[in-house]
């Protein structure tokens, strides 16, 4: 198989009817490393909304059990990508996600915003750092995939197009990003987790490199000092260079799903999808955000 052969296959499919197949190919074959990084950043962005970051801190899931929360989130989302919405494994993952969310009142606006990060951030990351830009077929398929996931989660008034998701994300962040001390604790715990995946002496360097990849609104919301211009340019150039090198490699022969990532460390002996996640006491632990109007309390399973 040649480097662009899968892209040609993607373009022969229908981006709406074949959205799952296209998205799975993009995630597991074309950009597995990039999607991991982009979805990490997508979830991380949500902490900068004080209501989300504050409640995540109070659940303690991302400050005291950071690796487990990371693993469970990755594995639940990965199960749906690998097996689809109709398969028993995918349905089980959706049920676990919904039951955790149901333990808290979650605003429709917050749910739509989090969904928008999954749609928009991978496109922005891959266009900046991937070995090629996402095709229009992949953008439309990604949008349709997350529209389907959103419907299974009972989220109303889901944006219809990528452009609507992007406008929602940008306007929401402009209106809601802000400082919160507890949200900063969640952010620090997440940065510490990422640094823990590498030898300890590299931790300060890795933290600086991560901050260099964050945009100004995120840095400002968490009150992190911006790395120097030279440092930011060097880090971003290094990530772009990685993408160019990947372009020169043979295409991946088999799929690489997120469950195969070495950063997932909490289940060396395997796991059952039905056991993933938390069993929160309603109103106390588990879901990141409280719901004000009740309309997202009845997800589709």
Protein backbone atom coordinates (compact mmCIF):
# COMPACT_ATOMS: atom_id res chain seq x y z
CA UNK A 1 0.00 0.00 0.00
CA UNK A 2 1.27 3.46 -0.90
CA UNK A 3 1.27 6.47 1.39
CA UNK A 4 -1.89 8.14 0.04
CA UNK A 5 -3.80 4.99 -0.92
CA UNK A 6 -6.03 5.01 2.15
CA UNK A 7 -6.90 8.63 1.53
CA UNK A 8 -8.06 7.62 -1.93
CA UNK A 9 -10.19 4.87 -0.36
CA UNK A 10 -11.69 7.37 2.08
CA UNK A 11 -12.66 9.67 -0.78
CA UNK A 12 -14.56 6.84 -2.47
CA UNK A 13 -16.83 6.47 0.58
CA UNK A 14 -19.84 8.55 1.57
CA UNK A 15 -18.75 10.86 4.42
CA UNK A 16 -22.15 10.66 6.12
CA UNK A 17 -23.31 7.09 5.47
CA UNK A 18 -19.79 5.72 6.01
CA UNK A 19 -18.80 8.15 8.76
CA UNK A 20 -17.77 5.45 11.26
CA UNK A 21 -15.59 3.62 8.73
CA UNK A 22 -13.90 6.83 7.64
CA UNK A 23 -13.36 8.07 11.18
CA UNK A 24 -12.00 4.69 12.31
CA UNK A 25 -9.56 4.62 9.37
CA UNK A 26 -8.41 8.16 10.11
CA UNK A 27 -7.97 7.48 13.84
CA UNK A 28 -6.49 3.98 13.78
CA UNK A 29 -4.48 3.98 10.55
CA UNK A 30 -3.68 7.49 9.35
CA UNK A 31 -3.19 9.54 12.54
CA UNK A 32 -3.24 7.41 15.73
CA UNK A 33 -0.58 9.47 17.55
CA UNK A 34 -2.06 12.77 16.44
CA UNK A 35 -5.59 11.87 17.48
CA UNK A 36 -4.34 10.82 20.92
CA UNK A 37 -2.60 14.15 21.42
CA UNK A 38 -5.50 16.16 19.96
CA UNK A 39 -8.16 14.48 22.10
CA UNK A 40 -5.99 14.91 25.19
CA UNK A 41 -5.87 18.61 24.38
CA UNK A 42 -9.61 18.66 23.69
CA UNK A 43 -10.45 17.34 27.15
CA UNK A 44 -7.79 19.51 28.77
CA UNK A 45 -9.34 22.65 27.27
CA UNK A 46 -12.59 22.00 29.10
CA UNK A 47 -10.87 22.56 32.47
CA UNK A 48 -10.47 26.24 31.57
CA UNK A 49 -14.24 26.64 31.91
CA UNK A 50 -14.44 27.28 35.69
CA UNK A 51 -17.70 25.36 36.19
CA UNK A 52 -16.15 22.28 34.61
CA UNK A 53 -12.70 22.54 36.14
CA UNK A 54 -14.06 23.33 39.60
CA UNK A 55 -16.35 20.32 39.75
CA UNK A 56 -13.66 18.03 38.34
CA UNK A 57 -11.46 19.15 41.21
CA UNK A 58 -14.22 18.42 43.73
CA UNK A 59 -14.78 14.91 42.42
CA UNK A 60 -11.03 14.29 42.98
CA UNK A 61 -11.01 11.94 39.98
CA UNK A 62 -8.44 14.02 38.11
CA UNK A 63 -6.41 15.12 41.11
CA UNK A 64 -6.17 11.92 43.19
CA UNK A 65 -6.81 9.19 40.59
CA UNK A 66 -5.47 10.95 37.54
CA UNK A 67 -4.07 7.94 35.68
CA UNK A 68 -7.23 5.88 36.22
CA UNK A 69 -9.49 8.71 35.06
CA UNK A 70 -7.29 9.16 31.98
CA UNK A 71 -7.30 5.43 31.22
CA UNK A 72 -11.05 5.01 31.66
CA UNK A 73 -11.86 8.01 29.48
CA UNK A 74 -9.53 6.84 26.73
CA UNK A 75 -10.80 3.25 26.82
CA UNK A 76 -14.50 4.12 26.85
CA UNK A 77 -14.18 6.46 23.87
CA UNK A 78 -11.84 4.02 22.10
CA UNK A 79 -14.30 1.14 22.47
CA UNK A 80 -16.92 3.04 20.49
CA UNK A 81 -14.42 3.86 17.73
CA UNK A 82 -13.23 0.27 17.47
CA UNK A 83 -16.57 -1.53 17.68
CA UNK A 84 -19.13 1.06 16.58
CA UNK A 85 -22.40 2.27 18.06
CA UNK A 86 -24.46 -0.85 17.36
CA UNK A 87 -22.08 -3.53 18.69
CA UNK A 88 -22.52 -4.71 22.26
CA UNK A 89 -19.11 -3.35 23.30
CA UNK A 90 -19.93 0.08 21.90
CA UNK A 91 -23.37 0.11 23.52
CA UNK A 92 -21.85 -0.89 26.85
CA UNK A 93 -19.35 1.98 26.63
CA UNK A 94 -22.14 4.45 25.85
CA UNK A 95 -24.19 3.14 28.80
CA UNK A 96 -21.23 3.64 31.15
CA UNK A 97 -20.66 7.19 29.88
CA UNK A 98 -24.34 8.04 30.23
CA UNK A 99 -24.72 6.55 33.70
CA UNK A 100 -21.76 8.54 34.97
CA UNK A 101 -23.09 11.73 33.43
CA UNK A 102 -26.58 11.10 34.73
CA UNK A 103 -25.26 11.37 38.28
CA UNK A 104 -24.85 15.11 37.80
CA UNK A 105 -27.01 17.86 36.38
CA UNK A 106 -25.17 18.77 33.19
CA UNK A 107 -26.02 21.86 31.20
CA UNK A 108 -26.81 21.37 27.54
CA UNK A 109 -24.41 24.20 26.71
CA UNK A 110 -21.55 22.49 28.54
CA UNK A 111 -22.30 19.16 26.87
CA UNK A 112 -22.36 20.71 23.42
CA UNK A 113 -19.12 22.55 24.14
CA UNK A 114 -17.30 19.38 25.24
CA UNK A 115 -18.59 17.61 22.12
CA UNK A 116 -17.34 20.49 19.98
CA UNK A 117 -13.80 20.06 21.33
CA UNK A 118 -13.79 16.46 20.03
CA UNK A 119 -14.79 17.67 16.57
CA UNK A 120 -12.64 20.78 16.25
CA UNK A 121 -9.37 20.16 18.08
CA UNK A 122 -8.26 17.09 16.06
CA UNK A 123 -8.73 18.99 12.81
CA UNK A 124 -6.73 21.96 14.14
CA UNK A 125 -3.98 19.76 15.54
CA UNK A 126 -3.62 17.56 12.46
CA UNK A 127 -3.69 20.50 10.06
CA UNK A 128 -0.88 22.07 12.10
CA UNK A 129 1.24 19.02 12.94
CA UNK A 130 0.06 15.94 11.03
CA UNK A 131 1.78 14.33 8.06
CA UNK A 132 -1.01 15.69 5.87
CA UNK A 133 -4.07 17.83 6.41
CA UNK A 134 -7.46 16.22 6.98
CA UNK A 135 -9.51 15.83 3.82
CA UNK A 136 -13.01 17.27 3.56
CA UNK A 137 -14.38 13.72 3.66
CA UNK A 138 -12.64 13.14 7.01
CA UNK A 139 -13.88 16.45 8.43
CA UNK A 140 -17.47 15.70 7.47
CA UNK A 141 -17.20 12.10 8.73
CA UNK A 142 -15.74 13.23 12.05
CA UNK A 143 -18.56 15.70 12.45
CA UNK A 144 -21.17 13.05 11.70
CA UNK A 145 -19.49 10.54 14.04
CA UNK A 146 -19.68 12.94 16.98
CA UNK A 147 -23.19 14.04 16.06
CA UNK A 148 -24.14 10.37 16.40
CA UNK A 149 -22.32 10.05 19.71
CA UNK A 150 -24.03 13.21 20.93
CA UNK A 151 -27.45 11.80 20.04
CA UNK A 152 -26.64 8.60 21.98
CA UNK A 153 -25.77 10.83 24.93
CA UNK A 154 -29.07 12.68 24.71
CA UNK A 155 -27.55 16.06 23.85
CA UNK A 156 -30.13 18.34 22.19
CA UNK A 157 -29.59 20.90 19.43
CA UNK A 158 -26.31 19.42 18.20
CA UNK A 159 -24.56 21.52 15.54
CA UNK A 160 -25.05 20.17 12.03
CA UNK A 161 -21.72 21.03 10.37
CA UNK A 162 -18.06 21.31 11.28
CA UNK A 163 -18.27 25.06 10.80
CA UNK A 164 -21.13 25.27 13.32
CA UNK A 165 -19.13 23.23 15.83
CA UNK A 166 -16.12 25.49 15.32
CA UNK A 167 -18.16 28.65 15.80
CA UNK A 168 -19.70 27.17 18.96
CA UNK A 169 -16.30 26.27 20.42
CA UNK A 170 -14.74 29.66 19.74
CA UNK A 171 -17.67 31.68 21.04
CA UNK A 172 -18.08 29.47 24.13
CA UNK A 173 -14.42 29.76 25.06
CA UNK A 174 -14.43 33.51 24.55
CA UNK A 175 -17.44 33.82 26.87
CA UNK A 176 -16.52 31.24 29.52
CA UNK A 177 -12.76 30.72 29.81
CA UNK A 178 -11.49 32.17 33.07
CA UNK A 179 -9.37 31.71 36.17
CA UNK A 180 -10.38 29.29 38.90
CA UNK A 181 -8.02 28.01 41.58
CA UNK A 182 -9.55 24.53 41.69
CA UNK A 183 -9.53 24.25 37.90
CA UNK A 184 -5.83 25.12 38.00
CA UNK A 185 -5.31 22.17 40.38
CA UNK A 186 -6.88 19.85 37.80
CA UNK A 187 -4.69 21.32 35.10
CA UNK A 188 -1.54 20.89 37.20
CA UNK A 189 -2.47 17.28 37.98
CA UNK A 190 -2.94 16.57 34.29
CA UNK A 191 0.41 18.11 33.36
CA UNK A 192 2.04 16.07 36.14
CA UNK A 193 0.43 12.92 34.76
CA UNK A 194 1.77 13.55 31.27
CA UNK A 195 5.25 14.20 32.67
CA UNK A 196 5.06 10.97 34.71
CA UNK A 197 5.01 8.92 31.52
CA UNK A 198 8.68 9.80 30.93
CA UNK A 199 11.89 9.62 33.00
CA UNK A 200 11.66 11.93 36.02
CA UNK A 201 14.61 14.19 35.04
CA UNK A 202 12.70 15.17 31.89
CA UNK A 203 9.64 16.42 33.80
CA UNK A 204 10.49 20.16 33.79
CA UNK A 205 11.38 20.04 30.10
CA UNK A 206 8.18 18.19 29.21
CA UNK A 207 6.05 20.63 31.20
CA UNK A 208 7.63 23.56 29.35
CA UNK A 209 7.16 21.82 26.01
CA UNK A 210 3.48 21.16 26.77
CA UNK A 211 2.90 24.78 27.74
CA UNK A 212 4.58 25.84 24.50
CA UNK A 213 1.86 23.98 22.58
CA UNK A 214 -1.00 25.72 24.40
CA UNK A 215 -2.68 28.79 22.92
CA UNK A 216 -2.90 32.17 24.62
CA UNK A 217 -6.51 31.82 25.93
CA UNK A 218 -5.61 28.57 27.73
CA UNK A 219 -2.41 29.97 29.23
CA UNK A 220 -4.26 33.07 30.36
CA UNK A 221 -7.15 31.11 31.92
CA UNK A 222 -4.75 28.97 33.98
CA UNK A 223 -2.33 31.86 34.63
CA UNK A 224 0.64 29.94 33.31
CA UNK A 225 3.62 31.98 32.18
CA UNK A 226 4.04 31.85 28.44
CA UNK A 227 7.26 30.10 27.40
CA UNK A 228 9.65 32.30 25.49
CA UNK A 229 9.06 32.87 21.80
CA UNK A 230 12.16 30.87 20.88
CA UNK A 231 11.07 27.94 23.04
CA UNK A 232 7.56 27.91 21.61
CA UNK A 233 8.88 28.07 18.06
CA UNK A 234 11.35 25.25 18.70
CA UNK A 235 8.74 22.95 20.25
CA UNK A 236 6.18 23.54 17.53
CA UNK A 237 8.79 23.10 14.82
CA UNK A 238 9.83 19.78 16.38
CA UNK A 239 6.25 18.47 16.35
CA UNK A 240 5.77 19.60 12.74
CA UNK A 241 9.06 17.88 11.82
CA UNK A 242 7.75 14.66 13.31
CA UNK A 243 4.77 14.90 10.97
CA UNK A 244 7.00 15.39 7.96
CA UNK A 245 9.06 12.36 8.93
CA UNK A 246 5.93 10.21 9.33
CA UNK A 247 4.96 11.20 5.79
CA UNK A 248 8.15 9.50 4.55
CA UNK A 249 7.39 6.22 6.35
CA UNK A 250 5.39 3.33 4.87
CA UNK A 251 1.69 3.48 5.75
CA UNK A 252 0.54 1.55 8.79
CA UNK A 253 -0.42 -2.04 7.90
CA UNK A 254 -2.68 -2.71 10.87
CA UNK A 255 -4.86 -0.52 13.06
CA UNK A 256 -3.57 1.09 16.23
CA UNK A 257 -6.35 1.82 18.71
CA UNK A 258 -6.00 3.99 21.78
CA UNK A 259 -6.19 0.92 24.06
CA UNK A 260 -2.76 0.01 22.64
CA UNK A 261 -1.17 3.30 23.71
CA UNK A 262 1.60 2.87 26.25
CA UNK A 263 0.24 5.83 28.20
CA UNK A 264 -2.70 3.64 29.26
CA UNK A 265 -1.17 1.93 32.28
CA UNK A 266 -3.92 0.98 34.69
CA UNK A 267 -5.06 -2.37 33.28
CA UNK A 268 -2.01 -4.60 32.67
CA UNK A 269 -4.19 -7.70 32.97
CA UNK A 270 -6.98 -6.43 30.74
CA UNK A 271 -10.34 -4.88 31.53
CA UNK A 272 -14.08 -5.21 31.04
CA UNK A 273 -15.76 -2.24 29.41
CA UNK A 274 -18.67 -2.53 31.85
CA UNK A 275 -16.23 -2.04 34.77
CA UNK A 276 -14.64 1.17 33.46
CA UNK A 277 -15.34 4.57 34.90
CA UNK A 278 -16.74 5.66 38.24
CA UNK A 279 -19.84 4.75 40.23
CA UNK A 280 -20.57 8.25 41.48
CA UNK A 281 -22.95 9.17 44.24
CA UNK A 282 -25.38 11.59 42.55
CA UNK A 283 -24.45 15.17 43.31
CA UNK A 284 -21.08 14.30 44.84
CA UNK A 285 -18.69 12.51 42.52
CA UNK A 286 -18.17 11.48 38.94
CA UNK A 287 -19.34 13.84 36.23
CA UNK A 288 -17.53 17.11 35.53
CA UNK A 289 -20.39 19.56 35.23
CA UNK A 290 -23.78 20.26 36.79
CA UNK A 291 -26.90 20.51 34.65
CA UNK A 292 -29.22 23.48 35.12
CA UNK A 293 -32.28 22.71 32.99
CA UNK A 294 -32.69 18.94 33.10
CA UNK A 295 -33.01 18.32 29.36
CA UNK A 296 -29.86 16.24 29.05
CA UNK A 297 -30.81 13.90 31.84
CA UNK A 298 -32.29 11.27 29.53
CA UNK A 299 -29.57 9.97 27.20
CA UNK A 300 -30.28 7.53 24.41
CA UNK A 301 -28.81 4.11 25.16
